[in-house]
PDB file of N, CA and C in Angstrom:
ATOM      1  N   MET A   1     235.906 100.040 117.327  1.00  0.00           N
ATOM      2  CA  MET A   1     234.648 100.719 117.042  1.00  0.00           C
ATOM      3  C   MET A   1     234.361 100.555 115.555  1.00  0.00           C
ATOM      4  N   SER A   2     233.128 100.215 115.255  1.00  0.00           N
ATOM      5  CA  SER A   2     232.744 100.014 113.861  1.00  0.00           C
ATOM      6  C   SER A   2     232.752 101.336 113.092  1.00  0.00           C
ATOM      7  N   THR A   3     232.876 101.216 111.792  1.00  0.00           N
ATOM      8  CA  THR A   3     232.828 102.391 110.925  1.00  0.00           C
ATOM      9  C   THR A   3     231.476 103.086 111.042  1.00  0.00           C
ATOM     10  N   GLU A   4     230.421 102.291 111.172  1.00  0.00           N
ATOM     11  CA  GLU A   4     229.073 102.863 111.297  1.00  0.00           C
ATOM     12  C   GLU A   4     228.945 103.691 112.576  1.00  0.00           C
ATOM     13  N   ALA A   5     229.496 103.199 113.674  1.00  0.00           N
ATOM     14  CA  ALA A   5     229.447 103.940 114.937  1.00  0.00           C
ATOM     15  C   ALA A   5     230.276 105.217 114.848  1.00  0.00           C
ATOM     16  N   GLN A   6     231.447 105.134 114.228  1.00  0.00           N
ATOM     17  CA  GLN A   6     232.278 106.323 114.052  1.00  0.00           C
ATOM     18  C   GLN A   6     231.549 107.362 113.208  1.00  0.00           C
ATOM     19  N   ARG A   7     230.937 106.912 112.139  1.00  0.00           N
ATOM     20  CA  ARG A   7     230.213 107.839 111.247  1.00  0.00           C
ATOM     21  C   ARG A   7     229.037 108.477 111.982  1.00  0.00           C
ATOM     22  N   PHE A   8     228.331 107.674 112.789  1.00  0.00           N
ATOM     23  CA  PHE A   8     227.206 108.210 113.552  1.00  0.00           C
ATOM     24  C   PHE A   8     227.673 109.326 114.483  1.00  0.00           C
ATOM     25  N   ILE A   9     228.744 109.078 115.224  1.00  0.00           N
ATOM     26  CA  ILE A   9     229.287 110.100 116.129  1.00  0.00           C
ATOM     27  C   ILE A   9     229.710 111.324 115.326  1.00  0.00           C
ATOM     28  N   TYR A  10     230.430 111.089 114.266  1.00  0.00           N
ATOM     29  CA  TYR A  10     230.979 112.176 113.467  1.00  0.00           C
ATOM     30  C   TYR A  10     229.879 113.070 112.887  1.00  0.00           C
ATOM     31  N   GLU A  11     228.786 112.450 112.450  1.00  0.00           N
ATOM     32  CA  GLU A  11     227.727 113.199 111.770  1.00  0.00           C
ATOM     33  C   GLU A  11     226.638 113.738 112.698  1.00  0.00           C
ATOM     34  N   ASN A  12     226.466 113.120 113.888  1.00  0.00           N
ATOM     35  CA  ASN A  12     225.295 113.468 114.702  1.00  0.00           C
ATOM     36  C   ASN A  12     225.562 113.935 116.122  1.00  0.00           C
ATOM     37  N   ILE A  13     226.685 113.569 116.682  1.00  0.00           N
ATOM     38  CA  ILE A  13     226.915 113.848 118.096  1.00  0.00           C
ATOM     39  C   ILE A  13     227.988 114.917 118.245  1.00  0.00           C
ATOM     40  N   ASP A  14     227.619 116.057 118.832  1.00  0.00           N
ATOM     41  CA  ASP A  14     228.577 117.154 118.980  1.00  0.00           C
ATOM     42  C   ASP A  14     228.886 117.497 120.432  1.00  0.00           C
ATOM     43  N   SER A  15     228.323 116.700 121.358  1.00  0.00           N
ATOM     44  CA  SER A  15     228.629 116.934 122.773  1.00  0.00           C
ATOM     45  C   SER A  15     228.464 115.644 123.555  1.00  0.00           C
ATOM     46  N   ILE A  16     229.192 115.546 124.629  1.00  0.00           N
ATOM     47  CA  ILE A  16     229.074 114.373 125.489  1.00  0.00           C
ATOM     48  C   ILE A  16     227.693 114.353 126.157  1.00  0.00           C
ATOM     49  N   GLY A  17     227.114 115.526 126.406  1.00  0.00           N
ATOM     50  CA  GLY A  17     225.777 115.590 126.996  1.00  0.00           C
ATOM     51  C   GLY A  17     224.723 114.948 126.104  1.00  0.00           C
ATOM     52  N   LEU A  18     224.809 115.197 124.810  1.00  0.00           N
ATOM     53  CA  LEU A  18     223.863 114.595 123.864  1.00  0.00           C
ATOM     54  C   LEU A  18     224.030 113.080 123.849  1.00  0.00           C
ATOM     55  N   LEU A  19     225.271 112.626 123.827  1.00  0.00           N
ATOM     56  CA  LEU A  19     225.529 111.187 123.849  1.00  0.00           C
ATOM     57  C   LEU A  19     225.011 110.560 125.143  1.00  0.00           C
ATOM     58  N   GLU A  20     225.264 111.197 126.266  1.00  0.00           N
ATOM     59  CA  GLU A  20     224.813 110.658 127.547  1.00  0.00           C
ATOM     60  C   GLU A  20     223.286 110.587 127.622  1.00  0.00           C
ATOM     61  N   ALA A  21     222.604 111.577 127.089  1.00  0.00           N
ATOM     62  CA  ALA A  21     221.133 111.547 127.076  1.00  0.00           C
ATOM     63  C   ALA A  21     220.637 110.360 126.243  1.00  0.00           C
ATOM     64  N   LEU A  22     221.229 110.170 125.081  1.00  0.00           N
ATOM     65  CA  LEU A  22     220.853 109.051 124.216  1.00  0.00           C
ATOM     66  C   LEU A  22     221.113 107.715 124.909  1.00  0.00           C
ATOM     67  N   LEU A  23     222.289 107.554 125.468  1.00  0.00           N
ATOM     68  CA  LEU A  23     222.639 106.284 126.103  1.00  0.00           C
ATOM     69  C   LEU A  23     221.782 106.012 127.339  1.00  0.00           C
ATOM     70  N   PHE A  24     221.477 107.062 128.084  1.00  0.00           N
ATOM     71  CA  PHE A  24     220.639 106.894 129.271  1.00  0.00           C
ATOM     72  C   PHE A  24     219.241 106.425 128.870  1.00  0.00           C
ATOM     73  N   LEU A  25     218.650 107.077 127.880  1.00  0.00           N
ATOM     74  CA  LEU A  25     217.308 106.685 127.435  1.00  0.00           C
ATOM     75  C   LEU A  25     217.308 105.270 126.869  1.00  0.00           C
ATOM     76  N   SER A  26     218.367 104.901 126.164  1.00  0.00           N
ATOM     77  CA  SER A  26     218.424 103.570 125.550  1.00  0.00           C
ATOM     78  C   SER A  26     218.661 102.471 126.583  1.00  0.00           C
ATOM     79  N   SER A  27     219.155 102.827 127.763  1.00  0.00           N
ATOM     80  CA  SER A  27     219.449 101.813 128.780  1.00  0.00           C
ATOM     81  C   SER A  27     218.183 101.175 129.363  1.00  0.00           C
ATOM     82  N   ASP A  28     217.060 101.865 129.288  1.00  0.00           N
ATOM     83  CA  ASP A  28     215.775 101.325 129.734  1.00  0.00           C
ATOM     84  C   ASP A  28     214.685 101.892 128.818  1.00  0.00           C
ATOM     85  N   PRO A  29     214.570 101.313 127.628  1.00  0.00           N
ATOM     86  CA  PRO A  29     213.663 101.870 126.616  1.00  0.00           C
ATOM     87  C   PRO A  29     212.189 101.901 127.010  1.00  0.00           C
ATOM     88  N   SER A  30     211.799 101.104 127.983  1.00  0.00           N
ATOM     89  CA  SER A  30     210.384 101.079 128.368  1.00  0.00           C
ATOM     90  C   SER A  30     210.028 102.179 129.357  1.00  0.00           C
ATOM     91  N   LYS A  31     211.038 102.829 129.936  1.00  0.00           N
ATOM     92  CA  LYS A  31     210.768 103.850 130.946  1.00  0.00           C
ATOM     93  C   LYS A  31     210.692 105.234 130.296  1.00  0.00           C
ATOM     94  N   PRO A  32     209.541 105.898 130.414  1.00  0.00           N
ATOM     95  CA  PRO A  32     209.409 107.259 129.869  1.00  0.00           C
ATOM     96  C   PRO A  32     210.012 108.296 130.819  1.00  0.00           C
ATOM     97  N   TRP A  33     210.548 109.344 130.233  1.00  0.00           N
ATOM     98  CA  TRP A  33     211.182 110.423 131.002  1.00  0.00           C
ATOM     99  C   TRP A  33     210.669 111.773 130.540  1.00  0.00           C
ATOM    100  N   THR A  34     210.371 112.643 131.492  1.00  0.00           N
ATOM    101  CA  THR A  34     210.098 114.039 131.144  1.00  0.00           C
ATOM    102  C   THR A  34     211.440 114.740 131.011  1.00  0.00           C
ATOM    103  N   CYS A  35     211.421 115.877 130.381  1.00  0.00           N
ATOM    104  CA  CYS A  35     212.642 116.656 130.221  1.00  0.00           C
ATOM    105  C   CYS A  35     213.233 117.029 131.578  1.00  0.00           C
ATOM    106  N   SER A  36     212.415 117.493 132.485  1.00  0.00           N
ATOM    107  CA  SER A  36     212.933 117.928 133.784  1.00  0.00           C
ATOM    108  C   SER A  36     213.486 116.758 134.595  1.00  0.00           C
ATOM    109  N   ALA A  37     212.819 115.600 134.548  1.00  0.00           N
ATOM    110  CA  ALA A  37     213.322 114.429 135.276  1.00  0.00           C
ATOM    111  C   ALA A  37     214.636 113.942 134.684  1.00  0.00           C
ATOM    112  N   LEU A  38     214.724 113.966 133.370  1.00  0.00           N
ATOM    113  CA  LEU A  38     215.965 113.553 132.708  1.00  0.00           C
ATOM    114  C   LEU A  38     217.099 114.526 133.030  1.00  0.00           C
ATOM    115  N   ALA A  39     216.795 115.808 133.054  1.00  0.00           N
ATOM    116  CA  ALA A  39     217.804 116.819 133.397  1.00  0.00           C
ATOM    117  C   ALA A  39     218.328 116.591 134.813  1.00  0.00           C
ATOM    118  N   ARG A  40     217.431 116.284 135.738  1.00  0.00           N
ATOM    119  CA  ARG A  40     217.868 115.995 137.118  1.00  0.00           C
ATOM    120  C   ARG A  40     218.743 114.751 137.160  1.00  0.00           C
ATOM    121  N   GLU A  41     218.319 113.717 136.475  1.00  0.00           N
ATOM    122  CA  GLU A  41     219.065 112.452 136.482  1.00  0.00           C
ATOM    123  C   GLU A  41     220.450 112.612 135.868  1.00  0.00           C
ATOM    124  N   LEU A  42     220.533 113.379 134.783  1.00  0.00           N
ATOM    125  CA  LEU A  42     221.817 113.583 134.100  1.00  0.00           C
ATOM    126  C   LEU A  42     222.634 114.711 134.730  1.00  0.00           C
ATOM    127  N   ARG A  43     222.006 115.417 135.680  1.00  0.00           N
ATOM    128  CA  ARG A  43     222.638 116.585 136.310  1.00  0.00           C
ATOM    129  C   ARG A  43     223.077 117.592 135.235  1.00  0.00           C
ATOM    130  N   ASN A  44     222.104 117.923 134.397  1.00  0.00           N
ATOM    131  CA  ASN A  44     222.355 118.824 133.285  1.00  0.00           C
ATOM    132  C   ASN A  44     221.291 119.914 133.269  1.00  0.00           C
ATOM    133  N   ASN A  45     221.567 120.959 132.539  1.00  0.00           N
ATOM    134  CA  ASN A  45     220.661 122.089 132.390  1.00  0.00           C
ATOM    135  C   ASN A  45     219.395 121.640 131.647  1.00  0.00           C
ATOM    136  N   PRO A  46     218.201 121.952 132.163  1.00  0.00           N
ATOM    137  CA  PRO A  46     216.963 121.552 131.484  1.00  0.00           C
ATOM    138  C   PRO A  46     216.856 122.074 130.044  1.00  0.00           C
ATOM    139  N   ASN A  47     217.375 123.260 129.779  1.00  0.00           N
ATOM    140  CA  ASN A  47     217.332 123.779 128.406  1.00  0.00           C
ATOM    141  C   ASN A  47     218.206 122.943 127.478  1.00  0.00           C
ATOM    142  N   SER A  48     219.362 122.521 127.972  1.00  0.00           N
ATOM    143  CA  SER A  48     220.240 121.661 127.170  1.00  0.00           C
ATOM    144  C   SER A  48     219.569 120.320 126.907  1.00  0.00           C
ATOM    145  N   VAL A  49     218.958 119.750 127.941  1.00  0.00           N
ATOM    146  CA  VAL A  49     218.294 118.458 127.793  1.00  0.00           C
ATOM    147  C   VAL A  49     217.113 118.575 126.835  1.00  0.00           C
ATOM    148  N   ALA A  50     216.385 119.666 126.882  1.00  0.00           N
ATOM    149  CA  ALA A  50     215.276 119.881 125.936  1.00  0.00           C
ATOM    150  C   ALA A  50     215.809 119.899 124.503  1.00  0.00           C
ATOM    151  N   ASN A  51     216.954 120.538 124.313  1.00  0.00           N
ATOM    152  CA  ASN A  51     217.591 120.564 122.992  1.00  0.00           C
ATOM    153  C   ASN A  51     218.010 119.159 122.575  1.00  0.00           C
ATOM    154  N   TYR A  52     218.597 118.402 123.502  1.00  0.00           N
ATOM    155  CA  TYR A  52     219.005 117.027 123.189  1.00  0.00           C
ATOM    156  C   TYR A  52     217.800 116.189 122.773  1.00  0.00           C
ATOM    157  N   LEU A  53     216.710 116.305 123.521  1.00  0.00           N
ATOM    158  CA  LEU A  53     215.514 115.526 123.206  1.00  0.00           C
ATOM    159  C   LEU A  53     214.945 115.900 121.844  1.00  0.00           C
ATOM    160  N   GLU A  54     214.966 117.172 121.539  1.00  0.00           N
ATOM    161  CA  GLU A  54     214.482 117.629 120.230  1.00  0.00           C
ATOM    162  C   GLU A  54     215.332 117.032 119.113  1.00  0.00           C
ATOM    163  N   ARG A  55     216.633 117.086 119.290  1.00  0.00           N
ATOM    164  CA  ARG A  55     217.543 116.561 118.263  1.00  0.00           C
ATOM    165  C   ARG A  55     217.427 115.047 118.126  1.00  0.00           C
ATOM    166  N   LEU A  56     217.350 114.338 119.249  1.00  0.00           N
ATOM    167  CA  LEU A  56     217.232 112.881 119.207  1.00  0.00           C
ATOM    168  C   LEU A  56     215.900 112.451 118.598  1.00  0.00           C
ATOM    169  N   THR A  57     214.862 113.232 118.840  1.00  0.00           N
ATOM    170  CA  THR A  57     213.567 112.953 118.225  1.00  0.00           C
ATOM    171  C   THR A  57     213.645 113.163 116.715  1.00  0.00           C
ATOM    172  N   ALA A  58     214.303 114.223 116.279  1.00  0.00           N
ATOM    173  CA  ALA A  58     214.464 114.489 114.848  1.00  0.00           C
ATOM    174  C   ALA A  58     215.274 113.385 114.170  1.00  0.00           C
ATOM    175  N   MET A  59     216.215 112.784 114.904  1.00  0.00           N
ATOM    176  CA  MET A  59     217.023 111.677 114.363  1.00  0.00           C
ATOM    177  C   MET A  59     216.275 110.348 114.412  1.00  0.00           C
ATOM    178  N   LYS A  60     215.056 110.359 114.960  1.00  0.00           N
ATOM    179  CA  LYS A  60     214.218 109.166 115.112  1.00  0.00           C
ATOM    180  C   LYS A  60     214.867 108.117 116.015  1.00  0.00           C
ATOM    181  N   LEU A  61     215.593 108.599 117.031  1.00  0.00           N
ATOM    182  CA  LEU A  61     216.171 107.717 118.036  1.00  0.00           C
ATOM    183  C   LEU A  61     215.332 107.720 119.304  1.00  0.00           C
ATOM    184  N   VAL A  62     214.595 108.787 119.497  1.00  0.00           N
ATOM    185  CA  VAL A  62     213.730 108.970 120.652  1.00  0.00           C
ATOM    186  C   VAL A  62     212.367 109.365 120.118  1.00  0.00           C
ATOM    187  N   ARG A  63     211.336 108.899 120.809  1.00  0.00           N
ATOM    188  CA  ARG A  63     209.993 109.331 120.392  1.00  0.00           C
ATOM    189  C   ARG A  63     209.273 109.932 121.586  1.00  0.00           C
ATOM    190  N   GLN A  64     208.415 110.865 121.258  1.00  0.00           N
ATOM    191  CA  GLN A  64     207.657 111.589 122.266  1.00  0.00           C
ATOM    192  C   GLN A  64     206.314 110.887 122.440  1.00  0.00           C
ATOM    193  N   LEU A  65     205.977 110.627 123.690  1.00  0.00           N
ATOM    194  CA  LEU A  65     204.718 109.951 123.978  1.00  0.00           C
ATOM    195  C   LEU A  65     203.600 110.971 124.162  1.00  0.00           C
ATOM    196  N   PRO A  66     202.382 110.624 123.728  1.00  0.00           N
ATOM    197  CA  PRO A  66     201.254 111.524 123.977  1.00  0.00           C
ATOM    198  C   PRO A  66     201.036 111.691 125.468  1.00  0.00           C
ATOM    199  N   PRO A  67     200.705 112.824 125.961  1.00  0.00           N
ATOM    200  CA  PRO A  67     200.385 114.085 125.294  1.00  0.00           C
ATOM    201  C   PRO A  67     201.597 114.944 124.972  1.00  0.00           C
ATOM    202  N   GLY A  68     202.784 114.382 125.003  1.00  0.00           N
ATOM    203  CA  GLY A  68     203.951 115.140 124.560  1.00  0.00           C
ATOM    204  C   GLY A  68     204.905 115.569 125.644  1.00  0.00           C
ATOM    205  N   GLU A  69     204.736 115.068 126.848  1.00  0.00           N
ATOM    206  CA  GLU A  69     205.628 115.489 127.930  1.00  0.00           C
ATOM    207  C   GLU A  69     206.698 114.446 128.253  1.00  0.00           C
ATOM    208  N   GLU A  70     206.516 113.218 127.772  1.00  0.00           N
ATOM    209  CA  GLU A  70     207.463 112.156 128.090  1.00  0.00           C
ATOM    210  C   GLU A  70     208.124 111.624 126.825  1.00  0.00           C
ATOM    211  N   PHE A  71     209.349 111.125 127.009  1.00  0.00           N
ATOM    212  CA  PHE A  71     210.158 110.628 125.896  1.00  0.00           C
ATOM    213  C   PHE A  71     210.695 109.245 126.240  1.00  0.00           C
ATOM    214  N   VAL A  72     210.818 108.410 125.212  1.00  0.00           N
ATOM    215  CA  VAL A  72     211.425 107.092 125.359  1.00  0.00           C
ATOM    216  C   VAL A  72     212.345 106.837 124.170  1.00  0.00           C
ATOM    217  N   PHE A  73     213.316 105.957 124.384  1.00  0.00           N
ATOM    218  CA  PHE A  73     214.162 105.508 123.279  1.00  0.00           C
ATOM    219  C   PHE A  73     213.303 104.715 122.311  1.00  0.00           C
ATOM    220  N   ASP A  74     213.474 104.946 121.030  1.00  0.00           N
ATOM    221  CA  ASP A  74     212.690 104.255 120.010  1.00  0.00           C
ATOM    222  C   ASP A  74     213.388 102.947 119.644  1.00  0.00           C
ATOM    223  N   GLU A  75     212.898 101.849 120.201  1.00  0.00           N
ATOM    224  CA  GLU A  75     213.513 100.551 119.965  1.00  0.00           C
ATOM    225  C   GLU A  75     213.416 100.086 118.516  1.00  0.00           C
ATOM    226  N   SER A  76     212.560 100.701 117.733  1.00  0.00           N
ATOM    227  CA  SER A  76     212.438 100.318 116.330  1.00  0.00           C
ATOM    228  C   SER A  76     213.448 101.055 115.449  1.00  0.00           C
ATOM    229  N   SER A  77     214.262 101.901 116.038  1.00  0.00           N
ATOM    230  CA  SER A  77     215.238 102.669 115.278  1.00  0.00           C
ATOM    231  C   SER A  77     216.220 101.756 114.551  1.00  0.00           C
ATOM    232  N   GLU A  78     216.541 102.127 113.329  1.00  0.00           N
ATOM    233  CA  GLU A  78     217.530 101.390 112.548  1.00  0.00           C
ATOM    234  C   GLU A  78     218.907 101.460 113.197  1.00  0.00           C
ATOM    235  N   LEU A  79     219.114 102.440 114.046  1.00  0.00           N
ATOM    236  CA  LEU A  79     220.417 102.647 114.677  1.00  0.00           C
ATOM    237  C   LEU A  79     220.520 102.011 116.066  1.00  0.00           C
ATOM    238  N   LYS A  80     219.582 101.165 116.416  1.00  0.00           N
ATOM    239  CA  LYS A  80     219.583 100.527 117.736  1.00  0.00           C
ATOM    240  C   LYS A  80     220.896  99.794 117.995  1.00  0.00           C
ATOM    241  N   GLY A  81     221.409  99.089 116.999  1.00  0.00           N
ATOM    242  CA  GLY A  81     222.666  98.361 117.149  1.00  0.00           C
ATOM    243  C   GLY A  81     223.848  99.284 117.377  1.00  0.00           C
ATOM    244  N   VAL A  82     223.874 100.394 116.660  1.00  0.00           N
ATOM    245  CA  VAL A  82     224.948 101.379 116.823  1.00  0.00           C
ATOM    246  C   VAL A  82     224.895 101.972 118.225  1.00  0.00           C
ATOM    247  N   VAL A  83     223.702 102.285 118.685  1.00  0.00           N
ATOM    248  CA  VAL A  83     223.551 102.851 120.031  1.00  0.00           C
ATOM    249  C   VAL A  83     224.018 101.839 121.082  1.00  0.00           C
ATOM    250  N   GLY A  84     223.690 100.575 120.873  1.00  0.00           N
ATOM    251  CA  GLY A  84     224.160  99.534 121.787  1.00  0.00           C
ATOM    252  C   GLY A  84     225.680  99.436 121.802  1.00  0.00           C
ATOM    253  N   GLU A  85     226.282  99.518 120.628  1.00  0.00           N
ATOM    254  CA  GLU A  85     227.747  99.499 120.538  1.00  0.00           C
ATOM    255  C   GLU A  85     228.342 100.693 121.284  1.00  0.00           C
ATOM    256  N   LEU A  86     227.764 101.866 121.086  1.00  0.00           N
ATOM    257  CA  LEU A  86     228.262 103.068 121.761  1.00  0.00           C
ATOM    258  C   LEU A  86     228.102 102.960 123.274  1.00  0.00           C
ATOM    259  N   ALA A  87     227.030 102.339 123.738  1.00  0.00           N
ATOM    260  CA  ALA A  87     226.825 102.160 125.174  1.00  0.00           C
ATOM    261  C   ALA A  87     227.943 101.305 125.767  1.00  0.00           C
ATOM    262  N   GLY A  88     228.315 100.243 125.073  1.00  0.00           N
ATOM    263  CA  GLY A  88     229.404  99.402 125.537  1.00  0.00           C
ATOM    264  C   GLY A  88     230.735 100.141 125.540  1.00  0.00           C
ATOM    265  N   LEU A  89     230.979 100.905 124.488  1.00  0.00           N
ATOM    266  CA  LEU A  89     232.220 101.683 124.416  1.00  0.00           C
ATOM    267  C   LEU A  89     232.267 102.749 125.497  1.00  0.00           C
ATOM    268  N   TYR A  90     231.121 103.346 125.783  1.00  0.00           N
ATOM    269  CA  TYR A  90     231.070 104.401 126.794  1.00  0.00           C
ATOM    270  C   TYR A  90     231.456 103.848 128.164  1.00  0.00           C
ATOM    271  N   LYS A  91     231.069 102.616 128.431  1.00  0.00           N
ATOM    272  CA  LYS A  91     231.416 101.989 129.710  1.00  0.00           C
ATOM    273  C   LYS A  91     232.895 101.618 129.782  1.00  0.00           C
ATOM    274  N   MET A  92     233.441 101.149 128.668  1.00  0.00           N
ATOM    275  CA  MET A  92     234.794 100.599 128.691  1.00  0.00           C
ATOM    276  C   MET A  92     235.877 101.565 128.190  1.00  0.00           C
ATOM    277  N   GLN A  93     235.525 102.407 127.226  1.00  0.00           N
ATOM    278  CA  GLN A  93     236.527 103.283 126.599  1.00  0.00           C
ATOM    279  C   GLN A  93     235.949 104.671 126.347  1.00  0.00           C
ATOM    280  N   ARG A  94     235.434 105.269 127.396  1.00  0.00           N
ATOM    281  CA  ARG A  94     234.785 106.581 127.291  1.00  0.00           C
ATOM    282  C   ARG A  94     235.698 107.603 126.622  1.00  0.00           C
ATOM    283  N   HIS A  95     236.984 107.548 126.923  1.00  0.00           N
ATOM    284  CA  HIS A  95     237.937 108.516 126.377  1.00  0.00           C
ATOM    285  C   HIS A  95     237.971 108.491 124.849  1.00  0.00           C
ATOM    286  N   LYS A  96     237.796 107.319 124.235  1.00  0.00           N
ATOM    287  CA  LYS A  96     237.804 107.241 122.770  1.00  0.00           C
ATOM    288  C   LYS A  96     236.604 107.979 122.171  1.00  0.00           C
ATOM    289  N   LEU A  97     235.454 107.833 122.818  1.00  0.00           N
ATOM    290  CA  LEU A  97     234.269 108.549 122.328  1.00  0.00           C
ATOM    291  C   LEU A  97     234.434 110.054 122.504  1.00  0.00           C
ATOM    292  N   ILE A  98     234.975 110.465 123.632  1.00  0.00           N
ATOM    293  CA  ILE A  98     235.187 111.895 123.876  1.00  0.00           C
ATOM    294  C   ILE A  98     236.168 112.462 122.855  1.00  0.00           C
ATOM    295  N   GLU A  99     237.230 111.729 122.576  1.00  0.00           N
ATOM    296  CA  GLU A  99     238.201 112.178 121.571  1.00  0.00           C
ATOM    297  C   GLU A  99     237.551 112.326 120.203  1.00  0.00           C
ATOM    298  N   LEU A 100     236.702 111.370 119.840  1.00  0.00           N
ATOM    299  CA  LEU A 100     236.036 111.429 118.542  1.00  0.00           C
ATOM    300  C   LEU A 100     235.050 112.600 118.475  1.00  0.00           C
ATOM    301  N   ILE A 101     234.277 112.791 119.532  1.00  0.00           N
ATOM    302  CA  ILE A 101     233.290 113.875 119.546  1.00  0.00           C
ATOM    303  C   ILE A 101     233.964 115.242 119.422  1.00  0.00           C
ATOM    304  N   TYR A 102     235.061 115.406 120.141  1.00  0.00           N
ATOM    305  CA  TYR A 102     235.723 116.711 120.190  1.00  0.00           C
ATOM    306  C   TYR A 102     236.999 116.780 119.351  1.00  0.00           C
ATOM    307  N   SER A 103     237.142 115.886 118.374  1.00  0.00           N
ATOM    308  CA  SER A 103     238.367 115.861 117.570  1.00  0.00           C
ATOM    309  C   SER A 103     238.505 117.150 116.754  1.00  0.00           C
ATOM    310  N   PRO A 104     239.743 117.630 116.594  1.00  0.00           N
ATOM    311  CA  PRO A 104     239.977 118.839 115.798  1.00  0.00           C
ATOM    312  C   PRO A 104     239.482 118.705 114.360  1.00  0.00           C
ATOM    313  N   LEU A 105     239.601 117.514 113.768  1.00  0.00           N
ATOM    314  CA  LEU A 105     239.133 117.333 112.393  1.00  0.00           C
ATOM    315  C   LEU A 105     237.624 117.513 112.292  1.00  0.00           C
ATOM    316  N   LYS A 106     236.889 117.002 113.278  1.00  0.00           N
ATOM    317  CA  LYS A 106     235.433 117.154 113.285  1.00  0.00           C
ATOM    318  C   LYS A 106     235.061 118.623 113.435  1.00  0.00           C
ATOM    319  N   LYS A 107     235.742 119.324 114.328  1.00  0.00           N
ATOM    320  CA  LYS A 107     235.454 120.743 114.525  1.00  0.00           C
ATOM    321  C   LYS A 107     235.739 121.542 113.256  1.00  0.00           C
ATOM    322  N   ALA A 108     236.829 121.224 112.574  1.00  0.00           N
ATOM    323  CA  ALA A 108     237.169 121.930 111.334  1.00  0.00           C
ATOM    324  C   ALA A 108     236.112 121.685 110.268  1.00  0.00           C
ATOM    325  N   ARG A 109     235.634 120.452 110.164  1.00  0.00           N
ATOM    326  CA  ARG A 109     234.595 120.144 109.186  1.00  0.00           C
ATOM    327  C   ARG A 109     233.307 120.882 109.518  1.00  0.00           C
ATOM    328  N   ASP A 110     232.915 120.860 110.794  1.00  0.00           N
ATOM    329  CA  ASP A 110     231.700 121.557 111.213  1.00  0.00           C
ATOM    330  C   ASP A 110     231.796 123.051 110.923  1.00  0.00           C
ATOM    331  N   PHE A 111     232.970 123.633 111.166  1.00  0.00           N
ATOM    332  CA  PHE A 111     233.178 125.057 110.916  1.00  0.00           C
ATOM    333  C   PHE A 111     233.054 125.354 109.430  1.00  0.00           C
ATOM    334  N   SER A 112     233.686 124.537 108.592  1.00  0.00           N
ATOM    335  CA  SER A 112     233.638 124.801 107.151  1.00  0.00           C
ATOM    336  C   SER A 112     232.229 124.623 106.600  1.00  0.00           C
ATOM    337  N   GLU A 113     231.470 123.667 107.132  1.00  0.00           N
ATOM    338  CA  GLU A 113     230.111 123.449 106.664  1.00  0.00           C
ATOM    339  C   GLU A 113     229.173 124.584 107.052  1.00  0.00           C
ATOM    340  N   ALA A 114     229.531 125.347 108.061  1.00  0.00           N
ATOM    341  CA  ALA A 114     228.700 126.475 108.471  1.00  0.00           C
ATOM    342  C   ALA A 114     228.621 127.535 107.376  1.00  0.00           C
ATOM    343  N   PHE A 115     229.578 127.529 106.460  1.00  0.00           N
ATOM    344  CA  PHE A 115     229.611 128.521 105.401  1.00  0.00           C
ATOM    345  C   PHE A 115     228.993 128.035 104.099  1.00  0.00           C
ATOM    346  N   LEU A 116     228.499 126.803 104.070  1.00  0.00           N
ATOM    347  CA  LEU A 116     227.844 126.296 102.874  1.00  0.00           C
ATOM    348  C   LEU A 116     226.444 126.895 102.754  1.00  0.00           C
ATOM    349  N   LEU A 117     226.057 127.166 101.523  1.00  0.00           N
ATOM    350  CA  LEU A 117     224.688 127.603 101.268  1.00  0.00           C
ATOM    351  C   LEU A 117     223.768 126.393 101.397  1.00  0.00           C
ATOM    352  N   PRO A 118     222.495 126.605 101.705  1.00  0.00           N
ATOM    353  CA  PRO A 118     221.575 125.463 101.841  1.00  0.00           C
ATOM    354  C   PRO A 118     221.594 124.548 100.617  1.00  0.00           C
ATOM    355  N   SER A 119     221.693 125.111  99.414  1.00  0.00           N
ATOM    356  CA  SER A 119     221.721 124.279  98.206  1.00  0.00           C
ATOM    357  C   SER A 119     222.985 123.428  98.147  1.00  0.00           C
ATOM    358  N   GLN A 120     224.092 123.924  98.683  1.00  0.00           N
ATOM    359  CA  GLN A 120     225.332 123.154  98.705  1.00  0.00           C
ATOM    360  C   GLN A 120     225.265 122.032  99.735  1.00  0.00           C
ATOM    361  N   LYS A 121     224.594 122.278 100.862  1.00  0.00           N
ATOM    362  CA  LYS A 121     224.469 121.248 101.892  1.00  0.00           C
ATOM    363  C   LYS A 121     223.682 120.059 101.349  1.00  0.00           C
ATOM    364  N   GLY A 122     222.609 120.320 100.629  1.00  0.00           N
ATOM    365  CA  GLY A 122     221.817 119.246 100.042  1.00  0.00           C
ATOM    366  C   GLY A 122     222.613 118.432  99.038  1.00  0.00           C
ATOM    367  N   LYS A 123     223.416 119.122  98.225  1.00  0.00           N
ATOM    368  CA  LYS A 123     224.249 118.433  97.238  1.00  0.00           C
ATOM    369  C   LYS A 123     225.290 117.573  97.937  1.00  0.00           C
ATOM    370  N   LYS A 124     225.891 118.081  99.020  1.00  0.00           N
ATOM    371  CA  LYS A 124     226.880 117.320  99.762  1.00  0.00           C
ATOM    372  C   LYS A 124     226.269 116.038 100.318  1.00  0.00           C
ATOM    373  N   GLU A 125     225.052 116.113 100.846  1.00  0.00           N
ATOM    374  CA  GLU A 125     224.376 114.930 101.381  1.00  0.00           C
ATOM    375  C   GLU A 125     224.074 113.928 100.274  1.00  0.00           C
ATOM    376  N   GLU A 126     223.695 114.406  99.062  1.00  0.00           N
ATOM    377  CA  GLU A 126     223.445 113.526  97.952  1.00  0.00           C
ATOM    378  C   GLU A 126     224.728 112.826  97.531  1.00  0.00           C
ATOM    379  N   ASP A 127     225.855 113.557  97.521  1.00  0.00           N
ATOM    380  CA  ASP A 127     227.139 112.984  97.125  1.00  0.00           C
ATOM    381  C   ASP A 127     227.562 111.894  98.104  1.00  0.00           C
ATOM    382  N   ASN A 128     227.251 112.065  99.387  1.00  0.00           N
ATOM    383  CA  ASN A 128     227.639 111.084 100.397  1.00  0.00           C
ATOM    384  C   ASN A 128     226.663 109.924 100.467  1.00  0.00           C
ATOM    385  N   GLY A 129     225.450 110.109 100.006  1.00  0.00           N
ATOM    386  CA  GLY A 129     224.394 109.117 100.152  1.00  0.00           C
ATOM    387  C   GLY A 129     224.528 108.018  99.200  1.00  0.00           C
TER     388      GLY A 129
END
């Protein structure tokens, strides 16, 4: 797995459901999905899927089509290659992605960052950028 893919998972993906929603949408970028249809297809809670779509849209990986009820994978995303790599890994080595998503080190980092003040979070992003 590339360093870029590891970093993407580490920084953006906190559940297998979010990853599965992203990979499913990217598997057929021309097909639009409503939240409820995607929830049925993924066999997931519609509220969870709505949250996933909101987050993926904020990451500019998914875009909402007018009038706002359907979503598609954004093929112009700079992360298209990373998503493709993750799709291949998900098929062949799903356990590695699950381990990375739920790793104790990631959870510890997420927990410690919850106590940062907003001004500290911005500084941390600048230091990493």
